C-alpha atoms as a PDB file:
ATOM      1  CA  MET A   1     -22.830  33.960 -20.585  1.00  0.00           C
ATOM      2  CA  LYS A   2     -19.990  32.364 -18.674  1.00  0.00           C
ATOM      3  CA  ARG A   3     -21.542  33.407 -15.327  1.00  0.00           C
ATOM      4  CA  PHE A   4     -24.914  31.948 -16.368  1.00  0.00           C
ATOM      5  CA  ALA A   5     -23.328  28.592 -17.255  1.00  0.00           C
ATOM      6  CA  ILE A   6     -21.434  28.455 -13.951  1.00  0.00           C
ATOM      7  CA  ALA A   7     -24.603  29.332 -11.996  1.00  0.00           C
ATOM      8  CA  ALA A   8     -26.600  26.658 -13.874  1.00  0.00           C
ATOM      9  CA  VAL A   9     -23.973  23.977 -13.200  1.00  0.00           C
ATOM     10  CA  ALA A  10     -23.827  24.990  -9.518  1.00  0.00           C
ATOM     11  CA  ALA A  11     -27.640  24.852  -9.208  1.00  0.00           C
ATOM     12  CA  VAL A  12     -27.859  21.404 -10.824  1.00  0.00           C
ATOM     13  CA  THR A  13     -25.014  20.073  -8.677  1.00  0.00           C
ATOM     14  CA  LEU A  14     -26.569  21.437  -5.500  1.00  0.00           C
ATOM     15  CA  SER A  15     -29.974  19.971  -6.361  1.00  0.00           C
ATOM     16  CA  LEU A  16     -28.516  16.524  -7.052  1.00  0.00           C
ATOM     17  CA  VAL A  17     -26.389  16.505  -3.914  1.00  0.00           C
ATOM     18  CA  SER A  18     -29.242  17.507  -1.598  1.00  0.00           C
ATOM     19  CA  ALA A  19     -32.019  15.550  -3.326  1.00  0.00           C
ATOM     20  CA  GLU A  20     -34.446  13.943  -0.917  1.00  0.00           C
ATOM     21  CA  GLN A  21     -37.929  12.628  -1.445  1.00  0.00           C
ATOM     22  CA  ALA A  22     -40.341  15.513  -1.048  1.00  0.00           C
ATOM     23  CA  ASP A  23     -43.757  14.786   0.392  1.00  0.00           C
ATOM     24  CA  ALA A  24     -46.391  16.290  -1.849  1.00  0.00           C
ATOM     25  CA  GLN A  25     -48.702  17.652   0.800  1.00  0.00           C
ATOM     26  CA  ILE A  26     -49.786  21.017   2.088  1.00  0.00           C
ATOM     27  CA  VAL A  27     -50.851  21.354   5.713  1.00  0.00           C
ATOM     28  CA  TYR A  28     -52.754  24.284   7.195  1.00  0.00           C
ATOM     29  CA  GLY A  29     -53.635  24.734  10.840  1.00  0.00           C
ATOM     30  CA  TYR A  30     -54.882  27.250  13.350  1.00  0.00           C
ATOM     31  CA  SER A  31     -55.905  27.631  16.984  1.00  0.00           C
ATOM     32  CA  ARG A  32     -57.927  30.682  17.917  1.00  0.00           C
ATOM     33  CA  PRO A  33     -59.820  31.936  20.962  1.00  0.00           C
ATOM     34  CA  VAL A  34     -63.547  32.436  20.452  1.00  0.00           C
ATOM     35  CA  VAL A  35     -65.638  35.361  21.661  1.00  0.00           C
ATOM     36  CA  GLY A  36     -67.496  34.213  24.747  1.00  0.00           C
ATOM     37  CA  GLY A  37     -64.770  31.771  25.781  1.00  0.00           C
ATOM     38  CA  GLY A  38     -63.357  28.697  24.198  1.00  0.00           C
ATOM     39  CA  ILE A  39     -60.745  27.635  21.704  1.00  0.00           C
ATOM     40  CA  VAL A  40     -61.273  26.539  18.097  1.00  0.00           C
ATOM     41  CA  THR A  41     -58.627  24.388  16.438  1.00  0.00           C
ATOM     42  CA  GLY A  42     -58.489  23.304  12.836  1.00  0.00           C
ATOM     43  CA  ARG A  43     -56.082  21.299  10.714  1.00  0.00           C
ATOM     44  CA  THR A  44     -56.292  20.527   6.995  1.00  0.00           C
ATOM     45  CA  ALA A  45     -53.911  18.421   4.922  1.00  0.00           C
ATOM     46  CA  TYR A  46     -54.010  18.340   1.137  1.00  0.00           C
ATOM     47  CA  VAL A  47     -52.262  15.568  -0.790  1.00  0.00           C
ATOM     48  CA  PRO A  48     -52.560  14.755  -4.500  1.00  0.00           C
ATOM     49  CA  GLY A  49     -56.105  13.497  -4.967  1.00  0.00           C
ATOM     50  CA  ALA A  50     -57.334  13.776  -1.359  1.00  0.00           C
ATOM     51  CA  TYR A  51     -57.734  15.985   1.672  1.00  0.00           C
ATOM     52  CA  GLN A  52     -58.268  15.483   5.374  1.00  0.00           C
ATOM     53  CA  SER A  53     -59.669  18.010   7.817  1.00  0.00           C
ATOM     54  CA  TYR A  54     -60.054  18.140  11.591  1.00  0.00           C
ATOM     55  CA  ASN A  55     -61.927  20.784  13.591  1.00  0.00           C
ATOM     56  CA  SER A  56     -62.536  21.000  17.313  1.00  0.00           C
ATOM     57  CA  TYR A  57     -63.981  23.350  19.897  1.00  0.00           C
ATOM     58  CA  TYR A  58     -63.283  23.312  23.617  1.00  0.00           C
ATOM     59  CA  SER A  59     -64.548  25.637  26.318  1.00  0.00           C
ATOM     60  CA  PRO A  60     -62.529  25.645  29.540  1.00  0.00           C
ATOM     61  CA  PHE A  61     -65.393  27.488  31.275  1.00  0.00           C
ATOM     62  CA  THR A  62     -68.184  25.027  30.537  1.00  0.00           C
ATOM     63  CA  GLY A  63     -66.236  21.907  29.540  1.00  0.00           C
ATOM     64  CA  VAL A  64     -68.130  21.601  26.241  1.00  0.00           C
ATOM     65  CA  VAL A  65     -66.245  19.587  23.630  1.00  0.00           C
ATOM     66  CA  GLN A  66     -67.106  19.259  19.932  1.00  0.00           C
ATOM     67  CA  THR A  67     -64.979  17.563  17.276  1.00  0.00           C
ATOM     68  CA  GLN A  68     -65.345  16.717  13.601  1.00  0.00           C
ATOM     69  CA  ALA A  69     -62.962  14.867  11.260  1.00  0.00           C
ATOM     70  CA  MET A  70     -63.456  14.544   7.488  1.00  0.00           C
ATOM     71  CA  TYR A  71     -61.668  12.735   4.669  1.00  0.00           C
ATOM     72  CA  SER A  72     -62.342  12.822   0.941  1.00  0.00           C
ATOM     73  CA  ASP A  73     -60.461  11.570  -2.119  1.00  0.00           C
ATOM     74  CA  MET A  74     -60.709  11.818  -5.900  1.00  0.00           C
ATOM     75  CA  PHE A  75     -62.513   8.462  -6.188  1.00  0.00           C
ATOM     76  CA  GLY A  76     -65.528   9.747  -4.274  1.00  0.00           C
ATOM     77  CA  GLN A  77     -64.701   8.100  -0.988  1.00  0.00           C
ATOM     78  CA  ASN A  78     -65.897  10.286   1.890  1.00  0.00           C
ATOM     79  CA  TYR A  79     -65.688   9.751   5.622  1.00  0.00           C
ATOM     80  CA  THR A  80     -66.983  12.016   8.387  1.00  0.00           C
ATOM     81  CA  ARG A  81     -66.970  11.484  12.128  1.00  0.00           C
ATOM     82  CA  GLY A  82     -67.820  13.759  14.996  1.00  0.00           C
ATOM     83  CA  PHE A  83     -68.799  13.923  18.631  1.00  0.00           C
ATOM     84  CA  GLY A  84     -69.750  16.416  21.268  1.00  0.00           C
ATOM     85  CA  TYR A  85     -70.337  16.446  25.002  1.00  0.00           C
ATOM     86  CA  ASN A  86     -71.633  18.944  27.558  1.00  0.00           C
ATOM     87  CA  PRO A  87     -70.664  17.976  31.138  1.00  0.00           C
ATOM     88  CA  TRP A  88     -73.164  20.393  32.708  1.00  0.00           C
ATOM     89  CA  THR A  89     -76.179  18.703  31.141  1.00  0.00           C
ATOM     90  CA  GLY A  90     -74.705  15.239  30.588  1.00  0.00           C
ATOM     91  CA  LEU A  91     -75.842  15.306  26.950  1.00  0.00           C
ATOM     92  CA  GLY A  92     -73.597  13.938  24.260  1.00  0.00           C
ATOM     93  CA  TYR A  93     -73.759  12.886  20.643  1.00  0.00           C
ATOM     94  CA  ASN A  94     -71.651  11.134  18.044  1.00  0.00           C
ATOM     95  CA  TYR A  95     -72.025  10.419  14.363  1.00  0.00           C
ATOM     96  CA  GLN A  96     -70.176   8.632  11.611  1.00  0.00           C
ATOM     97  CA  TYR A  97     -70.852   8.563   7.868  1.00  0.00           C
ATOM     98  CA  TYR A  98     -69.028   6.744   5.099  1.00  0.00           C
ATOM     99  CA  GLN A  99     -69.581   6.894   1.341  1.00  0.00           C
ATOM    100  CA  PRO A 100     -67.499   4.304  -0.554  1.00  0.00           C
ATOM    101  CA  ASN A 101     -67.658   6.043  -3.973  1.00  0.00           C
ATOM    102  CA  TYR A 102     -69.695   8.421  -6.146  1.00  0.00           C
ATOM    103  CA  PHE A 103     -72.292   5.797  -7.082  1.00  0.00           C
ATOM    104  CA  LEU A 104     -73.229   4.230  -3.749  1.00  0.00           C
ATOM    105  CA  PRO A 105     -75.194   6.081  -1.078  1.00  0.00           C
ATOM    106  CA  ALA A 106     -73.640   7.060   2.208  1.00  0.00           C
ATOM    107  CA  TYR A 107     -74.344   5.023   5.295  1.00  0.00           C
ATOM    108  CA  GLY A 108     -73.686   5.652   8.942  1.00  0.00           C
ATOM    109  CA  GLY A 109     -75.427   6.476  12.145  1.00  0.00           C
ATOM    110  CA  TYR A 110     -76.187   9.078  14.746  1.00  0.00           C
ATOM    111  CA  ASN A 111     -76.450   8.621  18.508  1.00  0.00           C
ATOM    112  CA  PHE A 112     -77.740  11.055  21.085  1.00  0.00           C
ATOM    113  CA  GLY A 113     -78.138  10.541  24.792  1.00  0.00           C
ATOM    114  CA  PHE A 114     -76.960  10.991  28.345  1.00  0.00           C
ATOM    115  CA  ARG A 115     -73.534  10.019  29.512  1.00  0.00           C
ATOM    116  CA  ARG A 116     -72.752   9.192  33.122  1.00  0.00           C
ATOM    117  CA  TRP A 117     -69.346   9.167  34.757  1.00  0.00           C
END
């Protein structure tokens, strides 16, 4: 019993001495090669009541780029944005959608066309 009391006092003392503000978030991420060439990257962050995600694809062989970012929270607010581009064909696209809450419809836009350098 004496050892338990000493260990408990030591644990409490150590936790009070080294107490810092802890960020309540969990972050996951990866980067992986894809069959056929290219690299896929993804990142996701979870915080209390919300999450944010980012995904991208890049091919060093063709130069194709695609990206998407998303955000959502517990109040129904959603945001999505993405774009892509193929330098061989000159075709590109981008889109953006936003939904302010659960009750209002989403609004945004989509563009598709040629891009010249």
